[in-house]
Amino acid sequence: MDALVEVLLEYGYAGMFLAAFLSGSVVPFSSEVVMIGLIQLGLSPLMTVLAGTLGNSLGSMTCYWVGLLGNMRWVERLF
């Protein structure tokens, strides 16, 4: 987990976006650690929060979209 956080810190705002996207989707990931690390490295707090907000929102929308694709016949057949 620490190695992943360090890699995301190297990518700056894109790393924040990816961490928030993973956190907002089905992958349990703590994007707050990346956000704090990026702000301590000197990146703009406003841009970091905006990248995190966008990533988390798109991650949540992705899960919602995948849920919309579900079909009750598939669910009944698989479970």
PDB file of N, CA and C in Angstrom:
ATOM      1  N   MET A   1       0.822  -1.187   0.000  1.00  0.00           N
ATOM      2  CA  MET A   1       0.000   0.000   0.000  1.00  0.00           C
ATOM      3  C   MET A   1       0.866   1.251   0.000  1.00  0.00           C
ATOM      4  N   ASP A   2       1.956   1.248   0.764  1.00  0.00           N
ATOM      5  CA  ASP A   2       2.835   2.418   0.815  1.00  0.00           C
ATOM      6  C   ASP A   2       3.491   2.679  -0.529  1.00  0.00           C
ATOM      7  N   ALA A   3       3.839   1.631  -1.239  1.00  0.00           N
ATOM      8  CA  ALA A   3       4.465   1.796  -2.551  1.00  0.00           C
ATOM      9  C   ALA A   3       3.498   2.452  -3.527  1.00  0.00           C
ATOM     10  N   LEU A   4       2.226   2.065  -3.459  1.00  0.00           N
ATOM     11  CA  LEU A   4       1.220   2.656  -4.338  1.00  0.00           C
ATOM     12  C   LEU A   4       1.031   4.133  -4.025  1.00  0.00           C
ATOM     13  N   VAL A   5       1.024   4.473  -2.765  1.00  0.00           N
ATOM     14  CA  VAL A   5       0.881   5.875  -2.371  1.00  0.00           C
ATOM     15  C   VAL A   5       2.069   6.688  -2.868  1.00  0.00           C
ATOM     16  N   GLU A   6       3.279   6.137  -2.766  1.00  0.00           N
ATOM     17  CA  GLU A   6       4.465   6.856  -3.244  1.00  0.00           C
ATOM     18  C   GLU A   6       4.426   7.075  -4.752  1.00  0.00           C
ATOM     19  N   VAL A   7       3.957   6.089  -5.484  1.00  0.00           N
ATOM     20  CA  VAL A   7       3.842   6.240  -6.947  1.00  0.00           C
ATOM     21  C   VAL A   7       2.824   7.318  -7.276  1.00  0.00           C
ATOM     22  N   LEU A   8       1.691   7.315  -6.584  1.00  0.00           N
ATOM     23  CA  LEU A   8       0.673   8.331  -6.840  1.00  0.00           C
ATOM     24  C   LEU A   8       1.168   9.727  -6.481  1.00  0.00           C
ATOM     25  N   LEU A   9       2.000   9.833  -5.443  1.00  0.00           N
ATOM     26  CA  LEU A   9       2.555  11.133  -5.075  1.00  0.00           C
ATOM     27  C   LEU A   9       3.462  11.684  -6.168  1.00  0.00           C
ATOM     28  N   GLU A  10       4.137  10.811  -6.903  1.00  0.00           N
ATOM     29  CA  GLU A  10       5.003  11.257  -7.992  1.00  0.00           C
ATOM     30  C   GLU A  10       4.209  11.863  -9.144  1.00  0.00           C
ATOM     31  N   TYR A  11       2.967  11.462  -9.315  1.00  0.00           N
ATOM     32  CA  TYR A  11       2.152  11.930 -10.433  1.00  0.00           C
ATOM     33  C   TYR A  11       1.387  13.214 -10.153  1.00  0.00           C
ATOM     34  N   GLY A  12       1.459  13.734  -8.964  1.00  0.00           N
ATOM     35  CA  GLY A  12       0.843  15.022  -8.647  1.00  0.00           C
ATOM     36  C   GLY A  12      -0.672  14.982  -8.731  1.00  0.00           C
ATOM     37  N   TYR A  13      -1.236  15.929  -9.497  1.00  0.00           N
ATOM     38  CA  TYR A  13      -2.687  16.041  -9.581  1.00  0.00           C
ATOM     39  C   TYR A  13      -3.311  14.820 -10.257  1.00  0.00           C
ATOM     40  N   ALA A  14      -2.631  14.256 -11.245  1.00  0.00           N
ATOM     41  CA  ALA A  14      -3.142  13.045 -11.889  1.00  0.00           C
ATOM     42  C   ALA A  14      -3.169  11.885 -10.893  1.00  0.00           C
ATOM     43  N   GLY A  15      -2.178  11.819 -10.027  1.00  0.00           N
ATOM     44  CA  GLY A  15      -2.167  10.801  -8.977  1.00  0.00           C
ATOM     45  C   GLY A  15      -3.303  11.000  -7.996  1.00  0.00           C
ATOM     46  N   MET A  16      -3.603  12.256  -7.688  1.00  0.00           N
ATOM     47  CA  MET A  16      -4.734  12.547  -6.802  1.00  0.00           C
ATOM     48  C   MET A  16      -6.038  12.132  -7.453  1.00  0.00           C
ATOM     49  N   PHE A  17      -6.177  12.425  -8.730  1.00  0.00           N
ATOM     50  CA  PHE A  17      -7.377  12.032  -9.457  1.00  0.00           C
ATOM     51  C   PHE A  17      -7.540  10.512  -9.448  1.00  0.00           C
ATOM     52  N   LEU A  18      -6.468   9.799  -9.740  1.00  0.00           N
ATOM     53  CA  LEU A  18      -6.525   8.338  -9.779  1.00  0.00           C
ATOM     54  C   LEU A  18      -6.821   7.754  -8.399  1.00  0.00           C
ATOM     55  N   ALA A  19      -6.205   8.301  -7.366  1.00  0.00           N
ATOM     56  CA  ALA A  19      -6.459   7.811  -6.010  1.00  0.00           C
ATOM     57  C   ALA A  19      -7.918   8.038  -5.621  1.00  0.00           C
ATOM     58  N   ALA A  20      -8.459   9.189  -5.955  1.00  0.00           N
ATOM     59  CA  ALA A  20      -9.851   9.482  -5.633  1.00  0.00           C
ATOM     60  C   ALA A  20     -10.800   8.633  -6.473  1.00  0.00           C
ATOM     61  N   PHE A  21     -10.431   8.394  -7.729  1.00  0.00           N
ATOM     62  CA  PHE A  21     -11.253   7.543  -8.596  1.00  0.00           C
ATOM     63  C   PHE A  21     -11.325   6.127  -8.025  1.00  0.00           C
ATOM     64  N   LEU A  22     -10.185   5.597  -7.593  1.00  0.00           N
ATOM     65  CA  LEU A  22     -10.163   4.266  -6.988  1.00  0.00           C
ATOM     66  C   LEU A  22     -10.950   4.253  -5.684  1.00  0.00           C
ATOM     67  N   SER A  23     -10.820   5.310  -4.919  1.00  0.00           N
ATOM     68  CA  SER A  23     -11.537   5.401  -3.651  1.00  0.00           C
ATOM     69  C   SER A  23     -13.041   5.491  -3.862  1.00  0.00           C
ATOM     70  N   GLY A  24     -13.460   6.166  -4.916  1.00  0.00           N
ATOM     71  CA  GLY A  24     -14.889   6.327  -5.202  1.00  0.00           C
ATOM     72  C   GLY A  24     -15.510   5.116  -5.848  1.00  0.00           C
ATOM     73  N   SER A  25     -14.697   4.233  -6.381  1.00  0.00           N
ATOM     74  CA  SER A  25     -15.234   3.031  -7.017  1.00  0.00           C
ATOM     75  C   SER A  25     -15.190   1.879  -6.021  1.00  0.00           C
ATOM     76  N   VAL A  26     -15.171   0.673  -6.520  1.00  0.00           N
ATOM     77  CA  VAL A  26     -15.278  -0.501  -5.651  1.00  0.00           C
ATOM     78  C   VAL A  26     -13.972  -0.861  -4.959  1.00  0.00           C
ATOM     79  N   VAL A  27     -12.882  -0.228  -5.323  1.00  0.00           N
ATOM     80  CA  VAL A  27     -11.578  -0.533  -4.728  1.00  0.00           C
ATOM     81  C   VAL A  27     -11.425   0.244  -3.423  1.00  0.00           C
ATOM     82  N   PRO A  28     -11.214  -0.433  -2.307  1.00  0.00           N
ATOM     83  CA  PRO A  28     -11.023   0.299  -1.044  1.00  0.00           C
ATOM     84  C   PRO A  28      -9.633   0.935  -1.008  1.00  0.00           C
ATOM     85  N   PHE A  29      -9.590   2.239  -1.074  1.00  0.00           N
ATOM     86  CA  PHE A  29      -8.331   2.962  -1.125  1.00  0.00           C
ATOM     87  C   PHE A  29      -8.511   4.285  -0.403  1.00  0.00           C
ATOM     88  N   SER A  30      -7.516   4.709   0.324  1.00  0.00           N
ATOM     89  CA  SER A  30      -7.600   5.948   1.092  1.00  0.00           C
ATOM     90  C   SER A  30      -6.952   7.090   0.308  1.00  0.00           C
ATOM     91  N   SER A  31      -7.787   7.876  -0.339  1.00  0.00           N
ATOM     92  CA  SER A  31      -7.258   8.997  -1.116  1.00  0.00           C
ATOM     93  C   SER A  31      -6.843  10.166  -0.230  1.00  0.00           C
ATOM     94  N   GLU A  32      -7.297  10.179   1.007  1.00  0.00           N
ATOM     95  CA  GLU A  32      -6.944  11.271   1.913  1.00  0.00           C
ATOM     96  C   GLU A  32      -5.450  11.295   2.208  1.00  0.00           C
ATOM     97  N   VAL A  33      -4.838  10.115   2.269  1.00  0.00           N
ATOM     98  CA  VAL A  33      -3.397  10.032   2.508  1.00  0.00           C
ATOM     99  C   VAL A  33      -2.638  10.700   1.364  1.00  0.00           C
ATOM    100  N   VAL A  34      -3.074  10.439   0.150  1.00  0.00           N
ATOM    101  CA  VAL A  34      -2.432  11.040  -1.020  1.00  0.00           C
ATOM    102  C   VAL A  34      -2.648  12.545  -1.019  1.00  0.00           C
ATOM    103  N   MET A  35      -3.860  12.971  -0.674  1.00  0.00           N
ATOM    104  CA  MET A  35      -4.161  14.404  -0.655  1.00  0.00           C
ATOM    105  C   MET A  35      -3.277  15.146   0.347  1.00  0.00           C
ATOM    106  N   ILE A  36      -3.157  14.613   1.533  1.00  0.00           N
ATOM    107  CA  ILE A  36      -2.313  15.249   2.551  1.00  0.00           C
ATOM    108  C   ILE A  36      -0.858  15.270   2.097  1.00  0.00           C
ATOM    109  N   GLY A  37      -0.404  14.175   1.510  1.00  0.00           N
ATOM    110  CA  GLY A  37       0.973  14.114   1.026  1.00  0.00           C
ATOM    111  C   GLY A  37       1.247  15.123  -0.067  1.00  0.00           C
ATOM    112  N   LEU A  38       0.311  15.273  -0.991  1.00  0.00           N
ATOM    113  CA  LEU A  38       0.497  16.230  -2.081  1.00  0.00           C
ATOM    114  C   LEU A  38       0.500  17.670  -1.582  1.00  0.00           C
ATOM    115  N   ILE A  39      -0.364  17.958  -0.636  1.00  0.00           N
ATOM    116  CA  ILE A  39      -0.391  19.323  -0.090  1.00  0.00           C
ATOM    117  C   ILE A  39       0.895  19.609   0.681  1.00  0.00           C
ATOM    118  N   GLN A  40       1.410  18.621   1.420  1.00  0.00           N
ATOM    119  CA  GLN A  40       2.669  18.814   2.140  1.00  0.00           C
ATOM    120  C   GLN A  40       3.853  18.954   1.193  1.00  0.00           C
ATOM    121  N   LEU A  41       3.743  18.381  -0.018  1.00  0.00           N
ATOM    122  CA  LEU A  41       4.815  18.530  -1.008  1.00  0.00           C
ATOM    123  C   LEU A  41       4.792  19.891  -1.685  1.00  0.00           C
ATOM    124  N   GLY A  42       3.748  20.681  -1.434  1.00  0.00           N
ATOM    125  CA  GLY A  42       3.721  22.037  -1.965  1.00  0.00           C
ATOM    126  C   GLY A  42       2.750  22.258  -3.106  1.00  0.00           C
ATOM    127  N   LEU A  43       1.937  21.268  -3.448  1.00  0.00           N
ATOM    128  CA  LEU A  43       0.950  21.473  -4.498  1.00  0.00           C
ATOM    129  C   LEU A  43      -0.184  22.330  -3.964  1.00  0.00           C
ATOM    130  N   SER A  44      -0.892  22.962  -4.861  1.00  0.00           N
ATOM    131  CA  SER A  44      -1.984  23.850  -4.489  1.00  0.00           C
ATOM    132  C   SER A  44      -3.115  23.067  -3.821  1.00  0.00           C
ATOM    133  N   PRO A  45      -3.504  23.488  -2.623  1.00  0.00           N
ATOM    134  CA  PRO A  45      -4.611  22.779  -1.957  1.00  0.00           C
ATOM    135  C   PRO A  45      -5.912  22.820  -2.764  1.00  0.00           C
ATOM    136  N   LEU A  46      -6.190  23.949  -3.396  1.00  0.00           N
ATOM    137  CA  LEU A  46      -7.419  24.072  -4.181  1.00  0.00           C
ATOM    138  C   LEU A  46      -7.424  23.106  -5.358  1.00  0.00           C
ATOM    139  N   MET A  47      -6.332  23.042  -6.104  1.00  0.00           N
ATOM    140  CA  MET A  47      -6.261  22.147  -7.261  1.00  0.00           C
ATOM    141  C   MET A  47      -6.271  20.683  -6.822  1.00  0.00           C
ATOM    142  N   THR A  48      -5.659  20.398  -5.673  1.00  0.00           N
ATOM    143  CA  THR A  48      -5.654  19.029  -5.157  1.00  0.00           C
ATOM    144  C   THR A  48      -7.066  18.599  -4.782  1.00  0.00           C
ATOM    145  N   VAL A  49      -7.807  19.492  -4.121  1.00  0.00           N
ATOM    146  CA  VAL A  49      -9.192  19.179  -3.758  1.00  0.00           C
ATOM    147  C   VAL A  49     -10.051  19.036  -5.007  1.00  0.00           C
ATOM    148  N   LEU A  50      -9.841  19.883  -6.008  1.00  0.00           N
ATOM    149  CA  LEU A  50     -10.614  19.781  -7.243  1.00  0.00           C
ATOM    150  C   LEU A  50     -10.335  18.463  -7.970  1.00  0.00           C
ATOM    151  N   ALA A  51      -9.075  18.063  -8.031  1.00  0.00           N
ATOM    152  CA  ALA A  51      -8.729  16.785  -8.674  1.00  0.00           C
ATOM    153  C   ALA A  51      -9.341  15.619  -7.898  1.00  0.00           C
ATOM    154  N   GLY A  52      -9.324  15.696  -6.578  1.00  0.00           N
ATOM    155  CA  GLY A  52      -9.916  14.657  -5.753  1.00  0.00           C
ATOM    156  C   GLY A  52     -11.430  14.592  -5.904  1.00  0.00           C
ATOM    157  N   THR A  53     -12.055  15.753  -5.962  1.00  0.00           N
ATOM    158  CA  THR A  53     -13.505  15.803  -6.122  1.00  0.00           C
ATOM    159  C   THR A  53     -13.931  15.229  -7.464  1.00  0.00           C
ATOM    160  N   LEU A  54     -13.219  15.601  -8.505  1.00  0.00           N
ATOM    161  CA  LEU A  54     -13.538  15.090  -9.839  1.00  0.00           C
ATOM    162  C   LEU A  54     -13.328  13.580  -9.914  1.00  0.00           C
ATOM    163  N   GLY A  55     -12.232  13.097  -9.375  1.00  0.00           N
ATOM    164  CA  GLY A  55     -11.947  11.671  -9.405  1.00  0.00           C
ATOM    165  C   GLY A  55     -12.952  10.861  -8.611  1.00  0.00           C
ATOM    166  N   ASN A  56     -13.300  11.330  -7.424  1.00  0.00           N
ATOM    167  CA  ASN A  56     -14.259  10.607  -6.593  1.00  0.00           C
ATOM    168  C   ASN A  56     -15.639  10.610  -7.230  1.00  0.00           C
ATOM    169  N   SER A  57     -16.034  11.732  -7.806  1.00  0.00           N
ATOM    170  CA  SER A  57     -17.342  11.802  -8.465  1.00  0.00           C
ATOM    171  C   SER A  57     -17.409  10.869  -9.664  1.00  0.00           C
ATOM    172  N   LEU A  58     -16.357  10.869 -10.478  1.00  0.00           N
ATOM    173  CA  LEU A  58     -16.362   9.982 -11.646  1.00  0.00           C
ATOM    174  C   LEU A  58     -16.283   8.512 -11.241  1.00  0.00           C
ATOM    175  N   GLY A  59     -15.574   8.210 -10.167  1.00  0.00           N
ATOM    176  CA  GLY A  59     -15.531   6.836  -9.672  1.00  0.00           C
ATOM    177  C   GLY A  59     -16.901   6.371  -9.205  1.00  0.00           C
ATOM    178  N   SER A  60     -17.615   7.240  -8.510  1.00  0.00           N
ATOM    179  CA  SER A  60     -18.962   6.908  -8.053  1.00  0.00           C
ATOM    180  C   SER A  60     -19.920   6.750  -9.228  1.00  0.00           C
ATOM    181  N   MET A  61     -19.795   7.633 -10.219  1.00  0.00           N
ATOM    182  CA  MET A  61     -20.659   7.525 -11.394  1.00  0.00           C
ATOM    183  C   MET A  61     -20.372   6.254 -12.186  1.00  0.00           C
ATOM    184  N   THR A  62     -19.124   5.831 -12.190  1.00  0.00           N
ATOM    185  CA  THR A  62     -18.771   4.590 -12.874  1.00  0.00           C
ATOM    186  C   THR A  62     -19.463   3.402 -12.216  1.00  0.00           C
ATOM    187  N   CYS A  63     -19.455   3.363 -10.896  1.00  0.00           N
ATOM    188  CA  CYS A  63     -20.150   2.280 -10.181  1.00  0.00           C
ATOM    189  C   CYS A  63     -21.646   2.333 -10.442  1.00  0.00           C
ATOM    190  N   TYR A  64     -22.203   3.519 -10.482  1.00  0.00           N
ATOM    191  CA  TYR A  64     -23.626   3.663 -10.765  1.00  0.00           C
ATOM    192  C   TYR A  64     -23.935   3.164 -12.170  1.00  0.00           C
ATOM    193  N   TRP A  65     -23.094   3.505 -13.138  1.00  0.00           N
ATOM    194  CA  TRP A  65     -23.282   3.086 -14.516  1.00  0.00           C
ATOM    195  C   TRP A  65     -23.200   1.565 -14.648  1.00  0.00           C
ATOM    196  N   VAL A  66     -22.252   0.959 -13.957  1.00  0.00           N
ATOM    197  CA  VAL A  66     -22.130  -0.499 -13.972  1.00  0.00           C
ATOM    198  C   VAL A  66     -23.381  -1.126 -13.366  1.00  0.00           C
ATOM    199  N   GLY A  67     -23.913  -0.523 -12.325  1.00  0.00           N
ATOM    200  CA  GLY A  67     -25.152  -1.018 -11.730  1.00  0.00           C
ATOM    201  C   GLY A  67     -26.332  -0.898 -12.670  1.00  0.00           C
ATOM    202  N   LEU A  68     -26.370   0.156 -13.464  1.00  0.00           N
ATOM    203  CA  LEU A  68     -27.448   0.313 -14.434  1.00  0.00           C
ATOM    204  C   LEU A  68     -27.388  -0.746 -15.530  1.00  0.00           C
ATOM    205  N   LEU A  69     -26.187  -1.224 -15.826  1.00  0.00           N
ATOM    206  CA  LEU A  69     -26.043  -2.246 -16.855  1.00  0.00           C
ATOM    207  C   LEU A  69     -26.554  -3.609 -16.402  1.00  0.00           C
ATOM    208  N   GLY A  70     -26.690  -3.753 -15.100  1.00  0.00           N
ATOM    209  CA  GLY A  70     -27.133  -5.035 -14.548  1.00  0.00           C
ATOM    210  C   GLY A  70     -28.530  -5.396 -15.021  1.00  0.00           C
ATOM    211  N   ASN A  71     -28.754  -6.666 -15.172  1.00  0.00           N
ATOM    212  CA  ASN A  71     -30.035  -7.173 -15.628  1.00  0.00           C
ATOM    213  C   ASN A  71     -30.524  -8.149 -14.560  1.00  0.00           C
ATOM    214  N   MET A  72     -31.782  -8.070 -14.159  1.00  0.00           N
ATOM    215  CA  MET A  72     -32.295  -8.946 -13.110  1.00  0.00           C
ATOM    216  C   MET A  72     -32.187 -10.417 -13.503  1.00  0.00           C
ATOM    217  N   ARG A  73     -32.295 -10.728 -14.762  1.00  0.00           N
ATOM    218  CA  ARG A  73     -32.131 -12.121 -15.199  1.00  0.00           C
ATOM    219  C   ARG A  73     -30.709 -12.603 -14.919  1.00  0.00           C
ATOM    220  N   TRP A  74     -29.727 -11.731 -15.150  1.00  0.00           N
ATOM    221  CA  TRP A  74     -28.336 -12.100 -14.880  1.00  0.00           C
ATOM    222  C   TRP A  74     -28.143 -12.337 -13.391  1.00  0.00           C
ATOM    223  N   VAL A  75     -28.715 -11.454 -12.580  1.00  0.00           N
ATOM    224  CA  VAL A  75     -28.561 -11.554 -11.136  1.00  0.00           C
ATOM    225  C   VAL A  75     -29.217 -12.855 -10.638  1.00  0.00           C
ATOM    226  N   GLU A  76     -30.421 -13.131 -11.116  1.00  0.00           N
ATOM    227  CA  GLU A  76     -31.122 -14.342 -10.690  1.00  0.00           C
ATOM    228  C   GLU A  76     -30.363 -15.596 -11.137  1.00  0.00           C
ATOM    229  N   ARG A  77     -29.797 -15.559 -12.324  1.00  0.00           N
ATOM    230  CA  ARG A  77     -29.081 -16.714 -12.836  1.00  0.00           C
ATOM    231  C   ARG A  77     -27.766 -16.942 -12.094  1.00  0.00           C
ATOM    232  N   LEU A  78     -27.069 -15.863 -11.783  1.00  0.00           N
ATOM    233  CA  LEU A  78     -25.774 -15.990 -11.136  1.00  0.00           C
ATOM    234  C   LEU A  78     -25.878 -16.228  -9.638  1.00  0.00           C
ATOM    235  N   PHE A  79     -26.913 -15.718  -9.014  1.00  0.00           N
ATOM    236  CA  PHE A  79     -27.022 -15.860  -7.568  1.00  0.00           C
ATOM    237  C   PHE A  79     -28.241 -16.679  -7.223  1.00  0.00           C
TER     238      PHE A  79
END
